[in-house]
Protein backbone atom coordinates (compact mmCIF):
# COMPACT_ATOMS: atom_id res chain seq x y z
CA LEU A 1 8.40 4.99 -42.69
CA ASN A 2 4.84 5.47 -41.49
CA GLN A 3 3.63 4.82 -44.89
CA ILE A 4 5.82 1.82 -45.55
CA TYR A 5 4.61 0.33 -42.16
CA MET A 6 0.80 0.91 -43.39
CA MET A 7 1.38 -0.67 -46.66
CA CYS A 8 2.88 -3.98 -45.04
CA HIS A 9 0.11 -3.92 -42.38
CA PRO A 10 -3.02 -2.28 -43.75
CA GLU A 11 -5.08 -3.18 -40.73
CA VAL A 12 -2.92 -0.89 -38.54
CA LEU A 13 -4.10 2.58 -37.85
CA LEU A 14 -1.67 5.20 -37.08
CA CYS A 15 -2.25 8.44 -34.93
CA ILE A 16 0.54 11.28 -35.34
CA TYR A 17 0.52 13.22 -32.41
CA LYS A 18 2.65 16.01 -30.99
CA THR A 19 1.00 16.90 -27.71
CA VAL A 20 -0.80 14.77 -24.93
CA GLU A 21 -3.98 16.56 -25.59
CA ASP A 22 -3.83 15.12 -29.46
CA VAL A 23 -3.57 11.58 -27.67
CA LEU A 24 -6.58 12.26 -25.33
CA SER A 25 -8.49 13.61 -28.35
CA TYR A 26 -7.91 10.57 -30.25
CA ILE A 27 -8.77 8.35 -27.19
CA LYS A 28 -12.04 10.27 -27.24
CA ASN A 29 -13.13 10.44 -30.81
CA LYS A 30 -12.02 6.71 -31.62
CA HIS A 31 -13.76 5.26 -28.48
CA ILE A 32 -10.34 3.46 -27.54
CA SER A 33 -11.26 0.94 -24.92
CA SER A 34 -7.53 0.28 -23.62
CA LEU A 35 -4.21 1.61 -23.86
CA VAL A 36 -0.45 0.20 -23.71
CA ILE A 37 2.37 2.56 -23.10
CA GLY A 38 5.97 1.68 -23.01
CA PRO A 39 7.05 -0.52 -26.07
CA GLY A 40 9.77 1.62 -28.33
CA LEU A 41 9.19 4.54 -25.96
CA GLU A 42 12.22 6.73 -25.20
CA VAL A 43 13.24 6.98 -21.29
CA SER A 44 12.99 11.03 -20.74
CA LYS A 45 11.44 13.29 -18.28
CA SER A 46 9.17 14.41 -20.90
CA ASN A 47 7.53 11.22 -21.54
CA LYS A 48 7.37 10.54 -17.69
CA GLU A 49 5.14 13.68 -17.62
CA PHE A 50 3.47 12.53 -20.75
CA ILE A 51 2.42 9.27 -19.03
CA LYS A 52 1.36 10.88 -15.86
CA THR A 53 -1.02 13.11 -17.87
CA ILE A 54 -2.57 10.17 -19.35
CA LEU A 55 -2.96 8.49 -16.34
CA PHE A 56 -4.77 11.24 -14.38
CA SER A 57 -6.76 12.29 -17.42
CA SER A 58 -8.08 9.13 -18.66
CA GLN A 59 -10.31 6.39 -17.07
CA LEU A 60 -9.28 3.71 -19.35
CA PRO A 61 -7.27 0.62 -18.42
CA VAL A 62 -3.82 1.43 -19.18
CA ILE A 63 -1.02 -1.16 -19.62
CA LEU A 64 2.34 0.33 -18.60
CA ASP A 65 5.18 -1.62 -20.15
CA ALA A 66 9.03 -1.68 -21.09
CA SER A 67 10.38 2.01 -21.25
CA GLY A 68 7.16 3.14 -19.67
CA ILE A 69 7.81 1.47 -16.40
CA THR A 70 11.17 2.50 -16.84
CA CYS A 71 10.41 6.06 -16.66
CA PHE A 72 9.29 5.88 -13.21
CA ASN A 73 12.49 3.99 -11.84
CA ASN A 74 12.70 4.38 -8.07
CA ASP A 75 9.52 6.43 -8.13
CA ILE A 76 6.79 4.01 -7.96
CA ASN A 77 4.83 6.31 -5.44
CA ILE A 78 3.74 8.33 -7.99
CA LEU A 79 1.78 5.47 -9.91
CA SER A 80 0.49 4.35 -6.57
CA LYS A 81 -1.38 7.54 -5.97
CA ASN A 82 -5.27 7.75 -6.76
CA ILE A 83 -4.97 7.97 -10.54
CA ASN A 84 -8.03 7.90 -12.73
CA SER A 85 -6.80 5.08 -14.98
CA LYS A 86 -7.13 1.58 -14.07
CA LEU A 87 -3.30 0.79 -14.02
CA ILE A 88 -1.70 -2.54 -15.01
CA LEU A 89 2.01 -2.79 -14.63
CA THR A 90 3.92 -5.47 -16.79
CA PRO A 91 7.52 -5.58 -15.52
CA HIS A 92 9.99 -8.44 -15.99
CA LEU A 93 12.15 -9.12 -12.90
CA GLY A 94 14.88 -6.45 -14.11
CA GLU A 95 12.53 -3.74 -14.50
CA PHE A 96 10.61 -4.69 -11.38
CA ALA A 97 13.80 -4.28 -9.40
CA ARG A 98 14.86 -1.02 -10.88
CA LEU A 99 11.25 0.35 -10.42
CA LEU A 100 11.58 -0.60 -6.72
CA ASN A 101 15.25 0.23 -6.26
CA ILE A 102 16.18 -3.15 -4.99
CA ASN A 103 18.56 -6.09 -5.86
CA ILE A 104 17.19 -8.52 -8.30
CA ASN A 105 18.49 -11.31 -6.14
CA GLU A 106 15.83 -10.23 -3.57
CA ILE A 107 13.05 -11.33 -5.94
CA LYS A 108 14.26 -14.68 -7.60
CA HIS A 109 12.10 -16.94 -5.71
CA LEU A 110 8.40 -17.18 -5.45
CA THR A 111 7.92 -16.55 -1.91
CA GLN A 112 10.14 -13.41 -2.20
CA LYS A 113 8.04 -12.24 -5.12
CA ARG A 114 4.79 -13.05 -3.22
CA ASP A 115 5.81 -11.08 -0.02
CA ILE A 116 7.05 -7.93 -2.07
CA LEU A 117 3.95 -8.02 -4.24
CA ASN A 118 1.38 -8.26 -1.68
CA SER A 119 3.00 -5.50 0.31
CA LEU A 120 2.95 -3.40 -3.01
CA VAL A 121 -0.88 -4.22 -3.92
CA LYS A 122 -2.21 -3.95 -0.25
CA HIS A 123 -2.77 0.00 -0.51
CA THR A 124 -2.90 0.40 -4.37
CA ASN A 125 -5.40 -0.24 -7.15
CA ILE A 126 -2.53 -1.12 -9.61
CA THR A 127 -2.49 -4.86 -11.12
CA PHE A 128 0.96 -6.34 -11.33
CA VAL A 129 1.98 -8.87 -13.96
CA LEU A 130 5.49 -9.97 -13.00
CA LYS A 131 6.72 -11.47 -16.10
CA GLY A 132 9.02 -14.53 -16.22
CA TYR A 133 9.24 -18.37 -15.03
CA ASN A 134 5.67 -18.73 -13.47
CA THR A 135 4.31 -14.90 -14.23
CA ILE A 136 2.44 -13.50 -11.54
CA VAL A 137 -0.57 -11.59 -11.57
CA ALA A 138 -1.64 -9.70 -8.50
CA ASN A 139 -3.69 -6.96 -7.31
CA LYS A 140 -5.10 -6.13 -3.56
CA ASN A 141 -7.88 -8.94 -3.85
CA ASN A 142 -6.30 -11.41 -6.03
CA PHE A 143 -2.97 -13.58 -6.65
CA TYR A 144 -2.48 -15.83 -9.41
CA VAL A 145 0.81 -17.99 -10.40
CA ASN A 146 0.57 -18.74 -14.26
CA ASN A 147 2.15 -22.28 -15.19
CA THR A 148 1.98 -22.05 -19.10
CA GLY A 149 4.95 -21.03 -21.09
CA THR A 150 8.71 -22.00 -21.96
CA PRO A 151 12.12 -20.57 -21.75
CA ALA A 152 12.28 -20.27 -25.70
CA MET A 153 9.86 -17.39 -25.23
CA ALA A 154 12.64 -15.25 -23.52
CA THR A 155 13.13 -13.36 -26.88
CA ALA A 156 12.81 -9.89 -27.77
CA GLY A 157 9.28 -8.56 -28.20
CA SER A 158 7.55 -11.37 -26.27
CA GLY A 159 6.28 -9.15 -23.47
CA ASP A 160 5.07 -6.75 -25.91
CA VAL A 161 2.79 -9.42 -27.60
CA LEU A 162 1.47 -10.06 -23.87
CA SER A 163 0.67 -6.35 -23.45
CA GLY A 164 -1.35 -6.47 -26.73
CA ILE A 165 -3.24 -9.61 -25.55
CA ILE A 166 -4.11 -8.16 -22.11
CA ALA A 167 -5.11 -4.98 -23.95
CA THR A 168 -7.42 -6.87 -26.03
CA PHE A 169 -9.01 -9.20 -23.38
CA ILE A 170 -9.55 -6.29 -21.07
CA SER A 171 -11.32 -4.47 -23.69
CA ILE A 172 -14.29 -7.00 -23.80
CA ARG A 173 -17.25 -5.37 -22.31
CA ASP A 174 -18.33 -6.20 -18.71
CA ILE A 175 -15.38 -8.65 -18.20
CA ASP A 176 -13.66 -8.68 -14.86
CA ILE A 177 -10.01 -7.05 -15.49
CA PHE A 178 -8.30 -9.56 -13.06
CA GLU A 179 -9.71 -12.60 -15.10
CA ALA A 180 -8.95 -11.08 -18.21
CA ILE A 181 -5.28 -10.33 -17.55
CA ARG A 182 -5.11 -13.99 -15.95
CA PHE A 183 -6.48 -15.35 -18.87
CA ALA A 184 -4.14 -13.22 -21.41
CA VAL A 185 -1.07 -14.74 -19.30
CA PHE A 186 -2.27 -18.19 -19.69
CA VAL A 187 -3.03 -17.75 -23.20
CA HIS A 188 0.24 -16.25 -24.19
CA GLY A 189 2.13 -18.92 -22.44
CA LEU A 190 -0.01 -21.66 -24.42
CA ALA A 191 0.97 -19.95 -27.53
CA GLY A 192 4.51 -19.84 -26.72
CA GLU A 193 4.38 -23.65 -26.12
CA TYR A 194 2.63 -24.49 -29.37
CA THR A 195 5.38 -22.23 -31.18
CA GLU A 196 8.10 -24.27 -29.60
CA TYR A 197 6.03 -27.67 -30.27
CA LYS A 198 6.10 -26.50 -34.12
CA HIS A 199 9.39 -24.99 -34.56
CA GLY A 200 11.60 -26.17 -31.77
CA PRO A 201 13.17 -24.00 -29.13
CA VAL A 202 15.67 -22.20 -30.92
CA GLY A 203 15.17 -18.88 -32.94
CA ILE A 204 11.51 -18.16 -32.00
CA MET A 205 10.47 -14.81 -32.54
CA ALA A 206 7.91 -12.87 -30.79
CA SER A 207 5.70 -12.47 -34.16
CA ASP A 208 5.67 -16.47 -34.07
CA ILE A 209 4.03 -16.27 -30.72
CA ALA A 210 1.59 -13.70 -31.73
CA ASN A 211 0.57 -15.54 -34.78
CA ASN A 212 -0.47 -18.57 -32.98
CA VAL A 213 -2.52 -16.75 -30.42
CA ARG A 214 -5.94 -17.12 -32.14
CA PHE A 215 -4.86 -20.79 -32.72
CA ILE A 216 -4.71 -21.58 -29.14
CA ILE A 217 -7.93 -19.61 -28.45
CA LYS A 218 -9.67 -22.00 -30.95
CA GLN A 219 -8.40 -24.90 -29.36
CA LEU A 220 -9.33 -24.00 -26.08
CA MET A 221 -12.85 -23.67 -27.40
CA TYR A 222 -13.04 -26.93 -29.33
CA ASN A 223 -10.11 -29.06 -28.80
CA LYS A 224 -8.75 -28.75 -25.06
CA LYS A 225 -7.01 -32.22 -25.28
CA LEU A 226 -4.59 -30.98 -27.93
CA VAL A 227 -3.70 -28.04 -26.04
CA TYR A 228 -3.23 -30.10 -22.84
CA ARG A 229 -1.04 -32.60 -24.47
CA ILE A 230 1.47 -29.93 -25.93
CA HIS A 231 1.58 -28.24 -22.42
CA ILE A 232 2.47 -31.65 -20.50
CA ASN A 233 5.19 -32.53 -23.38
CA ILE A 234 6.80 -29.02 -23.01
CA LYS A 235 6.83 -29.41 -19.18
CA LYS A 236 8.25 -32.81 -19.30
CA GLN A 237 10.97 -31.59 -21.77
CA TYR A 238 12.23 -28.96 -19.37
CA PHE A 239 11.37 -30.20 -15.88
CA LEU A 240 11.26 -34.09 -15.66
């Protein structure tokens, strides 16, 4: 299966590991600059211990997503401890509610999200990316509410694409991590808007969004008017 995947995507490098030491060795030898842990991962006690070892053994930025977050349901205190890694959590509302063991109805409104996040980040170095309508990026010093994106992006794998963009942007040398994450969320939303602009709101896949990220970055550099026009048209369609 691994060989088939590499034949289809020759740019992908695979690391087959048996122990957490194998992963840490790979990180060191390949000079890895950021990690995403969670998408496709089995939720288990052993994987929870695996993640904890990575967080306490590495100083890299780590994006914890999907099942990586679920491994710590109702146990966020472990993640709030003085870990070595720069930790970024990227839950959607359901994952966030389960992580904190609260009812999802308690975090449906922006003011509710703001209050809970402000309380969480006050005494921790974690950066939260609370995904959904108006994705929020928050840490102890900053709070950002994003306004790009479209309901058509609510498709399997869209959040994984965001984690990949974040991992890429925070790997840029000397960049402020919060600003990199904020820009990643902004670009991800614009890529979703452009995907809907091209294909309509039905049947969008995560790979469609990923394929449009580089186009959006190019337009932000050279043709901001196009990006702005698409953004305004998408917002008018849903909210006016």
